[in-house]
Amino acid sequence: MTAAARRIIAVLLALVVAGPLAGCTQRATEWTDAEYTIASGGSTGVYYDYGSHLAQELSTTLDIRMVAQETAGSVDNLLRVGSGEALLGFAQGDAAADAVTGTGAFDAPLAVRALARLYDEYVQVVVRGGSEIEDLGDLTGRTISLGAENSGVNVIAARILDAAGVDIASVRDPQLDLSASISAMERGEIDGFFWVGGLPTPGIAELSEMASVRLLPIEQDWVNEVNERYSHAYRPADVPAGTYGLVASAPTMAVPNYLVTASSTSDGVVRDVLAGLFDARLRIAGEVPTAALLDRRSAIFTGPVPLHPGAIDYYRDMRG
């Protein structure tokens, strides 16, 4: 037998041995046959898109049942994770900081921990392209959705309006989630809406393909003021030109997004989730572009929300 033939046979044998294990990896013993959930926000947002693909990936690689759960957003996600209703959840850094300290929308501290910093989210104040509304000061007396109740959007919208000197009581707020906000704008029932999410947000991208939209500017002074008053979780940013058909970039505020779990989640389960998350990064990014921003070097920076001990072990092992 020639050397080339032996190499071919060796490769074929390796594939036969590996075949039964494809799509499945050794998992922590704490996993059960229960159905696990990822608290993932509204169905037209990046959270839900990301969560759905992550749930599919983890279901396959760990041979478990995991699904994405539609929710009101960050605050709701944190409450579900803290209560044990969801294993994992997406949360804005400011809402997560409030959760661990028991401030803002949270009456008491929640026992939640971070697994990873995923990507930055951008505040998007959406109005029609031909609207007379030019800046936040023009929102007085208008019908503007400030986000669903128990959403991180609602928290940030209130903070930005306060910093901009706009009385929140002067804005008619129907408290719609992203999907309902888009539908209401299409019907002409609202003048605009606040959203906080990755770029591009699928629902807003679809809206921009049917009608011209603009994003109202959020000035750096307002971002600085919000930071001083709250958790220093924010930074000035720009939505790039071309996004949603914008002819110029739009100044705004960005906030990091975390994947969180309960403090009581076992270290082994956390390591399995993180291994699956990073392994699936490029596959998920093919459908959810923000997933490509996940990076092990920056994933550990989740302050002021502590990393879960299992996450610390995972990142330490990867570094070694």
Protein backbone atom coordinates (compact mmCIF):
# COMPACT_ATOMS: atom_id res chain seq x y z
CA MET A 1 0.00 0.00 0.00
CA THR A 2 1.36 3.39 -0.94
CA ALA A 3 1.90 6.23 1.51
CA ALA A 4 -0.80 8.26 -0.23
CA ALA A 5 -3.31 5.42 0.13
CA ARG A 6 -2.47 5.04 3.83
CA ARG A 7 -3.09 8.77 4.35
CA ILE A 8 -6.49 8.55 2.64
CA ILE A 9 -7.51 5.56 4.77
CA ALA A 10 -6.38 7.37 7.93
CA VAL A 11 -8.51 10.41 7.05
CA LEU A 12 -11.55 8.21 6.31
CA LEU A 13 -11.16 6.37 9.62
CA ALA A 14 -10.93 9.68 11.46
CA LEU A 15 -14.16 10.87 9.83
CA VAL A 16 -15.94 7.62 10.75
CA VAL A 17 -14.87 7.95 14.37
CA ALA A 18 -15.78 11.64 14.52
CA GLY A 19 -19.10 11.22 12.71
CA PRO A 20 -21.30 10.14 15.67
CA LEU A 21 -19.95 13.03 17.72
CA ALA A 22 -20.55 15.74 15.12
CA GLY A 23 -22.78 18.54 16.42
CA CYS A 24 -22.51 17.28 20.00
CA THR A 25 -19.91 17.89 22.68
CA GLN A 26 -19.30 16.58 26.17
CA ARG A 27 -21.47 18.64 28.49
CA ALA A 28 -21.62 19.36 32.20
CA THR A 29 -23.58 16.81 34.23
CA GLU A 30 -25.92 19.54 35.55
CA TRP A 31 -27.87 19.74 32.30
CA THR A 32 -31.22 17.91 32.35
CA ASP A 33 -34.02 17.12 29.89
CA ALA A 34 -35.81 20.34 30.84
CA GLU A 35 -36.43 23.08 28.28
CA TYR A 36 -34.12 26.04 28.85
CA THR A 37 -34.92 29.57 27.78
CA ILE A 38 -33.02 32.67 26.72
CA ALA A 39 -34.88 35.88 27.61
CA SER A 40 -34.51 37.64 24.28
CA GLY A 41 -36.62 40.78 23.82
CA GLY A 42 -39.11 41.62 21.07
CA SER A 43 -39.35 39.54 17.90
CA THR A 44 -38.14 42.34 15.58
CA GLY A 45 -35.02 43.24 17.57
CA VAL A 46 -31.43 42.03 17.60
CA TYR A 47 -31.84 40.36 21.01
CA TYR A 48 -34.44 37.96 19.69
CA ASP A 49 -32.56 37.32 16.46
CA TYR A 50 -29.32 36.62 18.33
CA GLY A 51 -31.09 34.61 21.02
CA SER A 52 -32.92 32.42 18.52
CA HIS A 53 -29.72 31.47 16.71
CA LEU A 54 -27.81 30.95 19.95
CA ALA A 55 -30.59 28.70 21.27
CA GLN A 56 -30.42 26.60 18.10
CA GLU A 57 -26.65 26.31 18.32
CA LEU A 58 -26.62 25.31 22.00
CA SER A 59 -29.47 22.85 21.47
CA THR A 60 -27.40 21.11 18.81
CA THR A 61 -23.93 21.21 20.35
CA LEU A 62 -25.06 20.31 23.89
CA ASP A 63 -27.93 18.00 22.90
CA ILE A 64 -30.41 19.95 25.01
CA ARG A 65 -33.68 21.79 24.45
CA MET A 66 -33.24 25.57 24.45
CA VAL A 67 -35.52 28.25 23.02
CA ALA A 68 -35.53 32.03 22.69
CA GLN A 69 -38.26 33.69 24.74
CA GLU A 70 -39.95 36.89 23.56
CA THR A 71 -39.89 39.54 26.31
CA ALA A 72 -40.28 43.28 26.93
CA GLY A 73 -36.49 43.83 26.99
CA SER A 74 -33.58 44.28 29.38
CA VAL A 75 -35.42 44.90 32.66
CA ASP A 76 -37.85 42.06 31.95
CA ASN A 77 -34.94 39.80 30.94
CA LEU A 78 -33.07 40.51 34.17
CA LEU A 79 -36.18 39.82 36.26
CA ARG A 80 -36.74 36.51 34.48
CA VAL A 81 -33.12 35.44 34.90
CA GLY A 82 -33.07 36.54 38.55
CA SER A 83 -36.23 34.54 39.29
CA GLY A 84 -34.98 31.44 37.50
CA GLU A 85 -37.63 31.65 34.77
CA ALA A 86 -34.88 31.97 32.14
CA LEU A 87 -31.40 30.46 32.18
CA LEU A 88 -29.86 33.23 30.08
CA GLY A 89 -30.81 36.76 29.12
CA PHE A 90 -29.63 39.76 27.15
CA ALA A 91 -29.35 43.02 29.09
CA GLN A 92 -28.09 46.53 28.54
CA GLY A 93 -25.16 47.40 30.79
CA ASP A 94 -27.00 50.23 32.55
CA ALA A 95 -30.04 48.08 33.38
CA ALA A 96 -27.77 45.25 34.55
CA ALA A 97 -25.85 47.67 36.78
CA ASP A 98 -29.14 48.80 38.33
CA ALA A 99 -30.17 45.16 38.82
CA VAL A 100 -27.12 44.14 40.86
CA THR A 101 -27.41 47.23 43.08
CA GLY A 102 -31.20 47.22 43.42
CA THR A 103 -31.70 50.71 42.02
CA GLY A 104 -33.69 52.27 39.18
CA ALA A 105 -36.38 49.84 38.05
CA PHE A 106 -35.35 47.22 40.65
CA ASP A 107 -36.71 47.29 44.20
CA ALA A 108 -33.94 45.02 45.50
CA PRO A 109 -30.63 43.63 44.19
CA LEU A 110 -30.92 40.67 41.82
CA ALA A 111 -28.53 37.73 42.09
CA VAL A 112 -27.38 37.90 38.48
CA ARG A 113 -23.92 37.68 36.95
CA ALA A 114 -22.45 38.38 33.53
CA LEU A 115 -21.13 35.76 31.13
CA ALA A 116 -19.83 38.08 28.43
CA ARG A 117 -19.89 41.56 27.00
CA LEU A 118 -21.36 40.92 23.55
CA TYR A 119 -21.52 44.19 21.62
CA ASP A 120 -22.53 47.83 21.98
CA GLU A 121 -26.11 48.95 21.47
CA TYR A 122 -27.06 52.32 20.02
CA VAL A 123 -29.85 54.66 21.07
CA GLN A 124 -32.02 55.28 18.01
CA VAL A 125 -34.73 57.96 18.06
CA VAL A 126 -36.60 57.28 14.84
CA VAL A 127 -38.83 59.77 13.00
CA ARG A 128 -40.11 59.95 9.44
CA GLY A 129 -37.76 61.35 6.83
CA GLY A 130 -40.06 64.29 6.09
CA SER A 131 -40.97 65.02 9.70
CA GLU A 132 -40.78 68.55 11.10
CA ILE A 133 -39.13 67.10 14.22
CA GLU A 134 -35.44 68.05 14.09
CA ASP A 135 -34.18 67.46 17.64
CA LEU A 136 -35.28 66.15 21.03
CA GLY A 137 -36.65 69.56 22.03
CA ASP A 138 -39.28 69.17 19.30
CA LEU A 139 -40.75 66.08 21.00
CA THR A 140 -42.79 68.18 23.43
CA GLY A 141 -46.47 67.62 22.71
CA ARG A 142 -45.74 64.77 20.28
CA THR A 143 -46.77 61.13 20.43
CA ILE A 144 -43.50 59.26 20.87
CA SER A 145 -43.13 55.70 22.10
CA LEU A 146 -40.45 55.61 24.80
CA GLY A 147 -40.31 51.82 24.80
CA ALA A 148 -42.33 49.06 26.40
CA GLU A 149 -42.84 48.92 30.14
CA ASN A 150 -40.02 47.01 31.86
CA SER A 151 -37.67 47.61 28.95
CA GLY A 152 -34.17 49.05 28.97
CA VAL A 153 -35.35 51.38 26.19
CA ASN A 154 -37.81 53.01 28.57
CA VAL A 155 -35.07 53.55 31.17
CA ILE A 156 -32.66 55.16 28.70
CA ALA A 157 -35.34 57.28 26.98
CA ALA A 158 -36.33 58.85 30.30
CA ARG A 159 -32.69 59.59 31.18
CA ILE A 160 -31.91 61.17 27.81
CA LEU A 161 -35.03 63.35 27.77
CA ASP A 162 -34.22 64.57 31.26
CA ALA A 163 -30.66 65.43 30.25
CA ALA A 164 -31.97 67.26 27.16
CA GLY A 165 -34.36 69.30 29.29
CA VAL A 166 -37.52 67.71 27.90
CA ASP A 167 -40.30 67.11 30.44
CA ILE A 168 -41.26 63.47 29.97
CA ALA A 169 -44.82 64.34 31.01
CA SER A 170 -45.08 66.59 27.94
CA VAL A 171 -44.62 63.59 25.61
CA ARG A 172 -47.58 61.34 24.83
CA ASP A 173 -46.10 57.88 25.35
CA PRO A 174 -48.09 54.78 24.29
CA GLN A 175 -45.31 52.51 25.73
CA LEU A 176 -44.95 50.29 22.67
CA ASP A 177 -42.32 47.66 22.01
CA LEU A 178 -40.31 47.83 18.81
CA SER A 179 -42.69 45.79 16.66
CA ALA A 180 -45.74 47.78 17.78
CA SER A 181 -43.82 51.07 17.37
CA ILE A 182 -42.95 50.22 13.76
CA SER A 183 -46.55 49.24 13.00
CA ALA A 184 -47.89 52.41 14.66
CA MET A 185 -45.50 54.59 12.65
CA GLU A 186 -46.54 52.87 9.43
CA ARG A 187 -50.18 53.69 10.28
CA GLY A 188 -49.33 57.29 11.17
CA GLU A 189 -50.41 56.84 14.80
CA ILE A 190 -47.15 58.03 16.36
CA ASP A 191 -44.60 60.69 15.45
CA GLY A 192 -41.58 58.60 16.37
CA PHE A 193 -40.10 56.11 18.79
CA PHE A 194 -37.04 55.34 20.90
CA TRP A 195 -35.11 52.13 20.41
CA VAL A 196 -31.84 50.80 21.83
CA GLY A 197 -30.23 47.97 19.88
CA GLY A 198 -27.48 46.74 17.62
CA LEU A 199 -26.89 48.04 14.12
CA PRO A 200 -28.72 47.49 11.96
CA THR A 201 -31.85 46.56 13.91
CA PRO A 202 -33.83 44.25 11.58
CA GLY A 203 -37.25 45.82 12.14
CA ILE A 204 -36.01 49.38 11.56
CA ALA A 205 -34.07 48.26 8.49
CA GLU A 206 -37.28 46.81 7.05
CA LEU A 207 -39.15 50.02 7.90
CA SER A 208 -36.51 52.12 6.14
CA GLU A 209 -36.94 50.06 2.97
CA MET A 210 -40.63 51.01 2.84
CA ALA A 211 -40.38 54.65 3.94
CA SER A 212 -37.72 57.30 4.55
CA VAL A 213 -36.63 57.58 8.19
CA ARG A 214 -34.24 59.80 10.15
CA LEU A 215 -32.52 59.49 13.54
CA LEU A 216 -32.59 62.48 15.90
CA PRO A 217 -29.16 63.56 17.17
CA ILE A 218 -28.15 62.89 20.78
CA GLU A 219 -25.49 65.39 21.79
CA GLN A 220 -22.32 64.46 23.68
CA ASP A 221 -23.15 66.87 26.53
CA TRP A 222 -26.32 64.90 27.19
CA VAL A 223 -24.38 61.63 27.18
CA ASN A 224 -21.91 63.08 29.69
CA GLU A 225 -24.75 64.25 31.93
CA VAL A 226 -26.45 60.86 31.89
CA ASN A 227 -23.13 59.22 32.77
CA GLU A 228 -22.59 61.56 35.71
CA ARG A 229 -26.05 60.86 37.11
CA TYR A 230 -26.06 57.11 36.65
CA SER A 231 -23.70 54.17 36.09
CA HIS A 232 -21.06 55.54 33.68
CA ALA A 233 -22.12 52.74 31.35
CA TYR A 234 -22.58 55.02 28.34
CA ARG A 235 -20.34 56.54 25.68
CA PRO A 236 -20.80 58.97 22.77
CA ALA A 237 -21.09 57.21 19.42
CA ASP A 238 -22.28 57.63 15.84
CA VAL A 239 -24.70 55.67 13.70
CA PRO A 240 -22.77 55.41 10.41
CA ALA A 241 -24.02 57.02 7.22
CA GLY A 242 -25.77 54.48 5.04
CA THR A 243 -27.47 52.77 7.98
CA TYR A 244 -31.22 52.79 7.23
CA GLY A 245 -30.41 54.94 4.19
CA LEU A 246 -29.03 57.84 6.27
CA VAL A 247 -27.11 60.34 4.13
CA ALA A 248 -24.92 61.40 7.08
CA SER A 249 -23.84 59.84 10.36
CA ALA A 250 -26.01 60.57 13.39
CA PRO A 251 -24.48 61.34 16.83
CA THR A 252 -25.94 59.17 19.56
CA MET A 253 -25.24 57.27 22.76
CA ALA A 254 -24.02 53.68 23.03
CA VAL A 255 -24.31 51.22 25.90
CA PRO A 256 -22.71 47.76 26.18
CA ASN A 257 -24.83 44.64 26.05
CA TYR A 258 -24.25 41.63 28.29
CA LEU A 259 -25.30 37.99 28.32
CA VAL A 260 -26.33 37.26 31.92
CA THR A 261 -27.35 34.33 34.09
CA ALA A 262 -28.29 33.75 37.72
CA SER A 263 -25.55 33.63 40.34
CA SER A 264 -26.76 30.11 41.21
CA THR A 265 -26.10 28.71 37.71
CA SER A 266 -23.43 26.03 37.95
CA ASP A 267 -19.90 26.75 36.76
CA GLY A 268 -20.06 23.81 34.36
CA VAL A 269 -23.22 25.07 32.66
CA VAL A 270 -21.68 28.53 32.29
CA ARG A 271 -18.53 27.10 30.71
CA ASP A 272 -20.63 25.03 28.29
CA VAL A 273 -22.65 28.10 27.28
CA LEU A 274 -19.55 30.20 26.70
CA ALA A 275 -17.81 27.48 24.72
CA GLY A 276 -20.90 27.17 22.52
CA LEU A 277 -21.28 30.95 22.21
CA PHE A 278 -17.74 31.52 20.96
CA ASP A 279 -17.72 28.42 18.76
CA ALA A 280 -20.92 29.59 17.04
CA ARG A 281 -19.86 33.23 16.68
CA LEU A 282 -19.16 33.24 12.95
CA ARG A 283 -22.10 30.99 12.09
CA ILE A 284 -24.49 33.27 13.97
CA ALA A 285 -22.83 36.36 12.47
CA GLY A 286 -23.86 35.12 9.03
CA GLU A 287 -27.45 35.91 10.06
CA VAL A 288 -26.93 38.40 12.91
CA PRO A 289 -24.06 40.80 12.01
CA THR A 290 -23.60 42.07 15.59
CA ALA A 291 -22.56 38.57 16.68
CA ALA A 292 -19.26 39.12 14.84
CA LEU A 293 -18.36 41.78 17.45
CA LEU A 294 -17.99 39.18 20.21
CA ASP A 295 -14.34 39.07 21.25
CA ARG A 296 -12.68 37.16 24.11
CA ARG A 297 -10.41 40.09 24.94
CA SER A 298 -13.28 42.53 25.50
CA ALA A 299 -15.90 40.01 26.66
CA ILE A 300 -14.54 40.09 30.22
CA PHE A 301 -15.21 43.82 30.69
CA THR A 302 -18.68 43.65 32.20
CA GLY A 303 -18.24 46.04 35.14
CA PRO A 304 -19.97 47.03 37.30
CA VAL A 305 -21.70 43.66 36.83
CA PRO A 306 -19.43 40.87 38.18
CA LEU A 307 -18.48 37.97 35.95
CA HIS A 308 -19.87 34.58 36.99
CA PRO A 309 -17.15 32.37 38.56
CA GLY A 310 -17.66 29.83 35.77
CA ALA A 311 -17.02 32.58 33.23
CA ILE A 312 -13.83 33.59 35.03
CA ASP A 313 -12.65 29.97 34.85
CA TYR A 314 -13.52 29.78 31.15
CA TYR A 315 -11.63 32.94 30.18
CA ARG A 316 -8.67 31.95 32.34
CA ASP A 317 -8.46 28.56 30.64
CA MET A 318 -8.68 30.15 27.20
CA ARG A 319 -5.88 32.55 28.05
CA GLY A 320 -3.68 29.70 29.20
